[in-house]
Amino acid sequence: MDELVVLRRVGQPDTLNVTLVEPELVVEVGVDVARDASVRWRPPRLHRARPDRSPADAPRWTVPPR
């Protein structure tokens, strides 16, 4: 099991246990930078599955530089 540290508030890290898996499906999602009335980020919206694409075509998510 790997660990992923998520900063929910500055200076208060939460450690989440994650299980890494191999991707099998590519999907299109819609995201924006708008926030809702509670000042939370809006969740991404699933548009459609892309069976014409393989997971190898999609860039891997990496940890952003600090």
C-alpha atoms as a PDB file:
ATOM      1  CA  MET A   1       0.000   0.000   0.000  1.00  0.00           C
ATOM      2  CA  ASP A   2       1.342   3.424  -0.949  1.00  0.00           C
ATOM      3  CA  GLU A   3       0.618   6.681   0.825  1.00  0.00           C
ATOM      4  CA  LEU A   4      -0.656   9.888  -0.672  1.00  0.00           C
ATOM      5  CA  VAL A   5      -0.447  13.114   1.327  1.00  0.00           C
ATOM      6  CA  VAL A   6      -3.244  15.560   0.634  1.00  0.00           C
ATOM      7  CA  LEU A   7      -3.175  19.141   1.891  1.00  0.00           C
ATOM      8  CA  ARG A   8      -6.736  20.136   2.658  1.00  0.00           C
ATOM      9  CA  ARG A   9      -5.692  23.233   4.553  1.00  0.00           C
ATOM     10  CA  VAL A  10      -2.282  24.823   4.630  1.00  0.00           C
ATOM     11  CA  GLY A  11      -0.159  23.176   7.282  1.00  0.00           C
ATOM     12  CA  GLN A  12      -2.597  20.346   8.048  1.00  0.00           C
ATOM     13  CA  PRO A  13      -1.662  17.311   5.924  1.00  0.00           C
ATOM     14  CA  ASP A  14      -3.955  14.303   5.827  1.00  0.00           C
ATOM     15  CA  THR A  15      -2.516  10.916   4.890  1.00  0.00           C
ATOM     16  CA  LEU A  16      -4.717   8.707   2.747  1.00  0.00           C
ATOM     17  CA  ASN A  17      -4.060   5.035   2.015  1.00  0.00           C
ATOM     18  CA  VAL A  18      -4.326   4.346  -1.700  1.00  0.00           C
ATOM     19  CA  THR A  19      -4.095   1.316  -3.945  1.00  0.00           C
ATOM     20  CA  LEU A  20      -2.479   1.996  -7.297  1.00  0.00           C
ATOM     21  CA  VAL A  21      -4.071   0.226 -10.275  1.00  0.00           C
ATOM     22  CA  GLU A  22      -3.315  -0.046 -13.975  1.00  0.00           C
ATOM     23  CA  PRO A  23      -5.687   2.094 -16.081  1.00  0.00           C
ATOM     24  CA  GLU A  24      -8.018   0.176 -18.386  1.00  0.00           C
ATOM     25  CA  LEU A  25     -10.388   2.838 -19.720  1.00  0.00           C
ATOM     26  CA  VAL A  26     -10.025   6.373 -21.062  1.00  0.00           C
ATOM     27  CA  VAL A  27     -12.862   8.841 -20.444  1.00  0.00           C
ATOM     28  CA  GLU A  28     -13.441  12.495 -21.253  1.00  0.00           C
ATOM     29  CA  VAL A  29     -14.178  14.734 -18.302  1.00  0.00           C
ATOM     30  CA  GLY A  30     -15.085  18.387 -18.018  1.00  0.00           C
ATOM     31  CA  VAL A  31     -13.463  20.513 -15.337  1.00  0.00           C
ATOM     32  CA  ASP A  32     -13.447  24.202 -14.560  1.00  0.00           C
ATOM     33  CA  VAL A  33     -12.018  26.532 -11.962  1.00  0.00           C
ATOM     34  CA  ALA A  34     -15.383  27.787 -10.711  1.00  0.00           C
ATOM     35  CA  ARG A  35     -16.414  27.205  -7.129  1.00  0.00           C
ATOM     36  CA  ASP A  36     -19.872  26.587  -5.719  1.00  0.00           C
ATOM     37  CA  ALA A  37     -21.687  28.758  -3.147  1.00  0.00           C
ATOM     38  CA  SER A  38     -19.792  27.023  -0.312  1.00  0.00           C
ATOM     39  CA  VAL A  39     -16.464  27.971  -1.973  1.00  0.00           C
ATOM     40  CA  ARG A  40     -15.730  24.313  -2.811  1.00  0.00           C
ATOM     41  CA  TRP A  41     -14.328  23.263  -6.173  1.00  0.00           C
ATOM     42  CA  ARG A  42     -16.937  21.869  -8.517  1.00  0.00           C
ATOM     43  CA  PRO A  43     -16.448  18.164  -9.188  1.00  0.00           C
ATOM     44  CA  PRO A  44     -15.402  17.030 -12.669  1.00  0.00           C
ATOM     45  CA  ARG A  45     -18.196  15.905 -14.998  1.00  0.00           C
ATOM     46  CA  LEU A  46     -17.966  12.672 -16.947  1.00  0.00           C
ATOM     47  CA  HIS A  47     -18.650  13.270 -20.649  1.00  0.00           C
ATOM     48  CA  ARG A  48     -18.097   9.911 -22.326  1.00  0.00           C
ATOM     49  CA  ALA A  49     -15.957   6.798 -22.481  1.00  0.00           C
ATOM     50  CA  ARG A  50     -13.312   6.736 -25.217  1.00  0.00           C
ATOM     51  CA  PRO A  51     -12.908   3.126 -26.372  1.00  0.00           C
ATOM     52  CA  ASP A  52     -10.993   4.461 -29.391  1.00  0.00           C
ATOM     53  CA  ARG A  53      -8.129   5.537 -27.083  1.00  0.00           C
ATOM     54  CA  SER A  54      -5.820   3.417 -24.987  1.00  0.00           C
ATOM     55  CA  PRO A  55      -4.538   4.361 -21.527  1.00  0.00           C
ATOM     56  CA  ALA A  56      -1.037   4.566 -23.057  1.00  0.00           C
ATOM     57  CA  ASP A  57      -2.274   7.583 -25.111  1.00  0.00           C
ATOM     58  CA  ALA A  58      -3.135   9.576 -21.988  1.00  0.00           C
ATOM     59  CA  PRO A  59      -0.437  11.453 -20.049  1.00  0.00           C
ATOM     60  CA  ARG A  60       0.320  10.047 -16.610  1.00  0.00           C
ATOM     61  CA  TRP A  61      -0.551  12.173 -13.610  1.00  0.00           C
ATOM     62  CA  THR A  62       2.554  13.247 -11.748  1.00  0.00           C
ATOM     63  CA  VAL A  63       3.100  15.063  -8.511  1.00  0.00           C
ATOM     64  CA  PRO A  64       3.326  18.801  -9.212  1.00  0.00           C
ATOM     65  CA  PRO A  65       6.622  20.497  -8.349  1.00  0.00           C
ATOM     66  CA  ARG A  66       6.802  22.204  -4.971  1.00  0.00           C
END
